[in-house]
Amino acid sequence: MTKQTLHTEIIALCDYASISREGKLSINGIFDEIRVQKFPGGLARAFLVATISGTPDTAYKLNLKIETKNNKNVNPSLGNTILETVTGPNGRNNLVIELNGLPFEEEGDYVFKLYEGNHEVGSTLLKVFQQGTYSINDIKLPN
């Protein structure tokens, strides 16, 4: 069997996530931007969820890195965390990563990336704003 390139089918930040005994993924409160009172600021608790797809019944070692637009790794200690996972017979697996005390030094875009070695498996973008910097008319909601 040829090894398939690993990729994400779903990747998101959320308030809470869990996986049932049957392997069903539950995601609550997906978000892609936050507002902090002042900098440095951050999130007390969040979850990164991903559904990965690759070769069936295969073990993978993944790294999570949080980077800014200039590729600065925001939390180097987090990037050293190895996430070991195994795909099921269908080649998929659900990941739930609890993130506690995420710091953000400044306003901007933060990209949460999953890597297998040097290969980027998937990513999601989080925009961080300072509360009060923007009026309600500046915020454009989807749809």
Foldseek 3Di string as FASTA:
>chain_A
DDKFDKAWPDKFKAADWDADPVGDIDGHGTDAEDAAQDPFDDDQKIKIKTKMFIAAFDKAWKFKFKAFPVRDGQDVVSRVDIDIDTHHRRRIHMDIDMDGDDTDGDFHKIKIFMDGVPRTRDIGIHGYHYPPPDDPVVDDDDD
